[in-house]
């Protein structure tokens, strides 16, 4: 069922949840990269975690660790990527480009 079909008829909440849940495994470095990219412009924790597709328990693990590592900082209730975090994005991107994609 597509999102357009959802707008045209009533559906169960479980059907809506299926569209939002990511079923593929993402390595930790990709999750970190995505969080840091979303926080570059300064965003709320809820916005970042929803856009990155994080479960509640993941949010409670990643944000404190990234703050402790100095990759993120909290400014006025918003999370912002630090210069160290931007360097991490660049390094993760380079590493991703060096490793061939398996199965493609």
N, C-alpha and C. Protein backbone atom coordinates (compact mmCIF):
# COMPACT_ATOMS: atom_id res chain seq x y z
N UNK A 1 0.84 -1.17 0.00
CA UNK A 1 0.00 0.00 0.00
C UNK A 1 0.89 1.24 0.00
N UNK A 2 0.65 2.14 -0.89
CA UNK A 2 1.46 3.35 -1.00
C UNK A 2 0.89 4.44 -0.09
N UNK A 3 1.67 5.49 0.09
CA UNK A 3 1.21 6.61 0.92
C UNK A 3 -0.01 7.28 0.29
N UNK A 4 -0.08 7.30 -1.05
CA UNK A 4 -1.24 7.89 -1.72
C UNK A 4 -2.50 7.09 -1.40
N UNK A 5 -2.37 5.78 -1.39
CA UNK A 5 -3.52 4.93 -1.08
C UNK A 5 -3.98 5.13 0.36
N UNK A 6 -3.02 5.42 1.25
CA UNK A 6 -3.37 5.65 2.64
C UNK A 6 -4.27 6.87 2.79
N UNK A 7 -4.00 7.88 1.99
CA UNK A 7 -4.80 9.10 2.06
C UNK A 7 -6.20 8.91 1.54
N UNK A 8 -6.44 7.90 0.73
CA UNK A 8 -7.74 7.69 0.09
C UNK A 8 -8.69 6.81 0.88
N UNK A 9 -8.18 6.05 1.86
CA UNK A 9 -9.08 5.20 2.63
C UNK A 9 -8.58 5.07 4.05
N UNK A 10 -9.47 4.62 4.93
CA UNK A 10 -9.08 4.41 6.32
C UNK A 10 -8.21 3.16 6.38
N UNK A 11 -7.19 3.25 7.21
CA UNK A 11 -6.30 2.10 7.38
C UNK A 11 -6.01 1.90 8.86
N UNK A 12 -5.53 0.73 9.16
CA UNK A 12 -5.14 0.42 10.53
C UNK A 12 -3.80 1.07 10.83
N UNK A 13 -3.60 1.40 12.09
CA UNK A 13 -2.34 2.03 12.51
C UNK A 13 -1.15 1.13 12.18
N UNK A 14 -1.34 -0.19 12.24
CA UNK A 14 -0.23 -1.10 11.95
C UNK A 14 0.22 -0.97 10.50
N UNK A 15 -0.68 -0.68 9.58
CA UNK A 15 -0.32 -0.50 8.18
C UNK A 15 0.52 0.77 8.00
N UNK A 16 0.18 1.82 8.73
CA UNK A 16 0.93 3.07 8.67
C UNK A 16 2.33 2.83 9.21
N UNK A 17 2.43 2.11 10.34
CA UNK A 17 3.73 1.82 10.95
C UNK A 17 4.63 1.04 10.01
N UNK A 18 4.08 0.15 9.23
CA UNK A 18 4.87 -0.65 8.30
C UNK A 18 5.58 0.23 7.28
N UNK A 19 4.95 1.32 6.88
CA UNK A 19 5.57 2.22 5.91
C UNK A 19 6.73 2.98 6.52
N UNK A 20 6.67 3.25 7.82
CA UNK A 20 7.71 4.05 8.46
C UNK A 20 8.90 3.23 8.94
N UNK A 21 8.69 1.96 9.20
CA UNK A 21 9.75 1.13 9.77
C UNK A 21 10.76 0.76 8.69
N UNK A 22 12.03 0.99 9.01
CA UNK A 22 13.10 0.58 8.10
C UNK A 22 13.41 -0.87 8.39
N UNK A 23 13.37 -1.70 7.36
CA UNK A 23 13.57 -3.12 7.56
C UNK A 23 14.99 -3.55 7.29
N UNK A 24 15.81 -2.67 6.78
CA UNK A 24 17.18 -3.05 6.47
C UNK A 24 18.09 -2.68 7.63
N UNK A 25 19.10 -3.51 7.82
CA UNK A 25 20.10 -3.25 8.84
C UNK A 25 21.01 -2.13 8.38
N UNK A 26 21.29 -1.19 9.27
CA UNK A 26 22.23 -0.11 8.96
C UNK A 26 23.40 -0.20 9.92
N UNK A 27 24.60 -0.20 9.39
CA UNK A 27 25.76 -0.21 10.28
C UNK A 27 25.78 1.04 11.15
N UNK A 28 26.42 0.92 12.30
CA UNK A 28 26.49 2.01 13.27
C UNK A 28 27.06 3.29 12.67
N UNK A 29 28.08 3.16 11.83
CA UNK A 29 28.69 4.37 11.27
C UNK A 29 27.73 5.12 10.35
N UNK A 30 26.84 4.40 9.68
CA UNK A 30 25.85 5.07 8.82
C UNK A 30 24.81 5.81 9.66
N UNK A 31 24.42 5.24 10.78
CA UNK A 31 23.47 5.90 11.67
C UNK A 31 24.09 7.18 12.23
N UNK A 32 25.35 7.08 12.66
CA UNK A 32 26.05 8.25 13.20
C UNK A 32 26.17 9.33 12.13
N UNK A 33 26.54 8.95 10.93
CA UNK A 33 26.67 9.91 9.83
C UNK A 33 25.34 10.61 9.56
N UNK A 34 24.27 9.85 9.55
CA UNK A 34 22.95 10.43 9.27
C UNK A 34 22.54 11.42 10.37
N UNK A 35 22.77 11.06 11.62
CA UNK A 35 22.45 11.97 12.74
C UNK A 35 23.25 13.26 12.60
N UNK A 36 24.54 13.13 12.35
CA UNK A 36 25.40 14.31 12.24
C UNK A 36 25.00 15.20 11.06
N UNK A 37 24.63 14.59 9.94
CA UNK A 37 24.21 15.37 8.77
C UNK A 37 22.92 16.13 9.07
N UNK A 38 21.98 15.47 9.73
CA UNK A 38 20.71 16.12 10.05
C UNK A 38 20.90 17.26 11.05
N UNK A 39 21.91 17.15 11.91
CA UNK A 39 22.13 18.17 12.94
C UNK A 39 22.99 19.33 12.45
N UNK A 40 23.49 19.27 11.23
CA UNK A 40 24.36 20.34 10.74
C UNK A 40 23.70 21.72 10.82
N UNK A 41 22.41 21.78 10.56
CA UNK A 41 21.72 23.07 10.57
C UNK A 41 21.09 23.37 11.93
N UNK A 42 21.30 22.49 12.91
CA UNK A 42 20.73 22.69 14.25
C UNK A 42 19.27 22.28 14.28
N UNK A 43 19.00 21.13 14.82
CA UNK A 43 17.63 20.59 14.83
C UNK A 43 17.29 20.03 16.21
N UNK A 44 16.01 19.86 16.47
CA UNK A 44 15.54 19.25 17.70
C UNK A 44 15.83 17.74 17.67
N UNK A 45 16.00 17.18 18.84
CA UNK A 45 16.29 15.75 18.95
C UNK A 45 15.19 14.90 18.29
N UNK A 46 13.94 15.30 18.48
CA UNK A 46 12.82 14.56 17.90
C UNK A 46 12.88 14.57 16.39
N UNK A 47 13.15 15.72 15.80
CA UNK A 47 13.25 15.84 14.34
C UNK A 47 14.35 14.93 13.81
N UNK A 48 15.52 14.99 14.43
CA UNK A 48 16.65 14.20 13.96
C UNK A 48 16.34 12.71 14.08
N UNK A 49 15.83 12.31 15.23
CA UNK A 49 15.58 10.88 15.44
C UNK A 49 14.49 10.35 14.51
N UNK A 50 13.48 11.14 14.23
CA UNK A 50 12.42 10.70 13.32
C UNK A 50 12.94 10.60 11.89
N UNK A 51 13.68 11.61 11.45
CA UNK A 51 14.22 11.61 10.08
C UNK A 51 15.26 10.52 9.88
N UNK A 52 15.99 10.19 10.94
CA UNK A 52 17.02 9.15 10.86
C UNK A 52 16.42 7.76 11.08
N UNK A 53 15.15 7.71 11.45
CA UNK A 53 14.48 6.43 11.66
C UNK A 53 14.98 5.69 12.89
N UNK A 54 15.25 6.44 13.96
CA UNK A 54 15.76 5.81 15.17
C UNK A 54 14.62 5.38 16.08
N UNK A 55 14.78 4.21 16.66
CA UNK A 55 13.86 3.76 17.71
C UNK A 55 14.21 4.51 18.98
N UNK A 56 13.30 4.50 19.93
CA UNK A 56 13.50 5.24 21.18
C UNK A 56 14.78 4.80 21.89
N UNK A 57 15.02 3.50 21.95
CA UNK A 57 16.23 3.03 22.64
C UNK A 57 17.50 3.46 21.90
N UNK A 58 17.45 3.55 20.58
CA UNK A 58 18.61 4.01 19.82
C UNK A 58 18.90 5.48 20.10
N UNK A 59 17.83 6.26 20.18
CA UNK A 59 17.96 7.70 20.47
C UNK A 59 18.65 7.90 21.82
N UNK A 60 18.28 7.08 22.79
CA UNK A 60 18.84 7.20 24.14
C UNK A 60 20.29 6.72 24.20
N UNK A 61 20.73 5.98 23.21
CA UNK A 61 22.12 5.52 23.15
C UNK A 61 22.98 6.51 22.37
N UNK A 62 22.55 6.87 21.16
CA UNK A 62 23.39 7.65 20.26
C UNK A 62 23.61 9.09 20.69
N UNK A 63 22.57 9.80 21.10
CA UNK A 63 22.73 11.22 21.42
C UNK A 63 23.71 11.46 22.57
N UNK A 64 23.58 10.76 23.71
CA UNK A 64 24.56 10.99 24.78
C UNK A 64 25.99 10.65 24.36
N UNK A 65 26.16 9.59 23.59
CA UNK A 65 27.50 9.20 23.14
C UNK A 65 28.11 10.23 22.19
N UNK A 66 27.31 10.73 21.25
CA UNK A 66 27.81 11.73 20.31
C UNK A 66 28.14 13.04 21.02
N UNK A 67 27.37 13.38 22.04
CA UNK A 67 27.68 14.56 22.85
C UNK A 67 28.99 14.36 23.62
N UNK A 68 29.14 13.18 24.23
CA UNK A 68 30.33 12.88 25.01
C UNK A 68 31.58 12.86 24.12
N UNK A 69 31.44 12.40 22.87
CA UNK A 69 32.56 12.34 21.95
C UNK A 69 32.89 13.71 21.34
N UNK A 70 32.01 14.68 21.55
CA UNK A 70 32.25 16.03 21.02
C UNK A 70 31.87 16.17 19.55
N UNK A 71 31.06 15.25 19.03
CA UNK A 71 30.62 15.32 17.64
C UNK A 71 29.35 16.16 17.50
N UNK A 72 28.59 16.23 18.58
CA UNK A 72 27.36 17.04 18.65
C UNK A 72 27.46 17.94 19.86
N UNK A 73 26.74 19.06 19.79
CA UNK A 73 26.58 19.89 20.98
C UNK A 73 25.13 20.36 21.03
N UNK A 74 24.66 20.61 22.24
CA UNK A 74 23.29 21.08 22.42
C UNK A 74 23.32 22.58 22.66
N UNK A 75 22.60 23.31 21.81
CA UNK A 75 22.54 24.77 21.91
C UNK A 75 21.07 25.18 21.90
N UNK A 76 20.60 25.73 23.02
CA UNK A 76 19.20 26.18 23.13
C UNK A 76 18.21 25.09 22.75
N UNK A 77 18.43 23.88 23.23
CA UNK A 77 17.50 22.78 22.98
C UNK A 77 17.61 22.16 21.59
N UNK A 78 18.56 22.62 20.81
CA UNK A 78 18.78 22.06 19.47
C UNK A 78 20.15 21.41 19.43
N UNK A 79 20.24 20.37 18.63
CA UNK A 79 21.51 19.65 18.48
C UNK A 79 22.21 20.13 17.22
N UNK A 80 23.48 20.47 17.38
CA UNK A 80 24.27 21.03 16.28
C UNK A 80 25.54 20.20 16.13
N UNK A 81 25.90 19.91 14.89
CA UNK A 81 27.12 19.17 14.60
C UNK A 81 28.32 20.10 14.82
N UNK A 82 29.31 19.62 15.54
CA UNK A 82 30.52 20.40 15.79
C UNK A 82 31.48 20.26 14.61
N UNK A 83 32.57 21.00 14.64
CA UNK A 83 33.57 20.86 13.57
C UNK A 83 34.17 19.46 13.59
N UNK A 84 34.33 18.90 14.78
CA UNK A 84 34.81 17.52 14.89
C UNK A 84 33.79 16.56 14.26
N UNK A 85 32.51 16.85 14.43
CA UNK A 85 31.44 16.04 13.83
C UNK A 85 31.45 16.15 12.31
N UNK A 86 31.72 17.35 11.78
CA UNK A 86 31.79 17.52 10.32
C UNK A 86 32.98 16.75 9.75
N UNK A 87 34.09 16.73 10.50
CA UNK A 87 35.24 15.92 10.08
C UNK A 87 34.87 14.43 10.06
N UNK A 88 34.09 14.01 11.05
CA UNK A 88 33.66 12.61 11.11
C UNK A 88 32.78 12.26 9.91
N UNK A 89 31.87 13.17 9.53
CA UNK A 89 31.02 12.93 8.35
C UNK A 89 31.90 12.72 7.12
N UNK A 90 32.88 13.57 6.96
CA UNK A 90 33.78 13.49 5.81
C UNK A 90 34.55 12.16 5.80
N UNK A 91 35.06 11.76 6.94
CA UNK A 91 35.83 10.52 7.03
C UNK A 91 34.96 9.29 6.80
N UNK A 92 33.75 9.31 7.34
CA UNK A 92 32.83 8.19 7.13
C UNK A 92 32.46 8.09 5.65
N UNK A 93 32.23 9.23 5.01
CA UNK A 93 31.90 9.25 3.58
C UNK A 93 33.05 8.69 2.75
N UNK A 94 34.28 9.08 3.08
CA UNK A 94 35.45 8.57 2.35
C UNK A 94 35.57 7.06 2.52
N UNK A 95 35.37 6.58 3.73
CA UNK A 95 35.45 5.14 3.99
C UNK A 95 34.36 4.39 3.22
N UNK A 96 33.15 4.93 3.21
CA UNK A 96 32.05 4.31 2.46
C UNK A 96 32.38 4.22 0.97
N UNK A 97 33.01 5.25 0.43
CA UNK A 97 33.36 5.27 -1.01
C UNK A 97 34.48 4.31 -1.32
N UNK A 98 35.35 4.02 -0.37
CA UNK A 98 36.48 3.12 -0.61
C UNK A 98 36.05 1.66 -0.62
N UNK A 99 35.02 1.35 0.15
CA UNK A 99 34.57 -0.04 0.28
C UNK A 99 33.52 -0.32 -0.79
N UNK A 100 33.76 -1.33 -1.64
CA UNK A 100 32.77 -1.63 -2.67
C UNK A 100 31.46 -2.15 -2.06
N UNK A 101 30.38 -1.79 -2.68
CA UNK A 101 29.08 -2.23 -2.22
C UNK A 101 28.88 -3.70 -2.62
N UNK A 102 28.62 -4.53 -1.66
CA UNK A 102 28.42 -5.96 -1.91
C UNK A 102 27.00 -6.17 -2.40
N UNK A 103 26.88 -6.92 -3.46
CA UNK A 103 25.56 -7.25 -3.99
C UNK A 103 25.00 -6.23 -4.97
N UNK A 104 25.79 -5.26 -5.35
CA UNK A 104 25.31 -4.26 -6.32
C UNK A 104 26.00 -4.43 -7.65
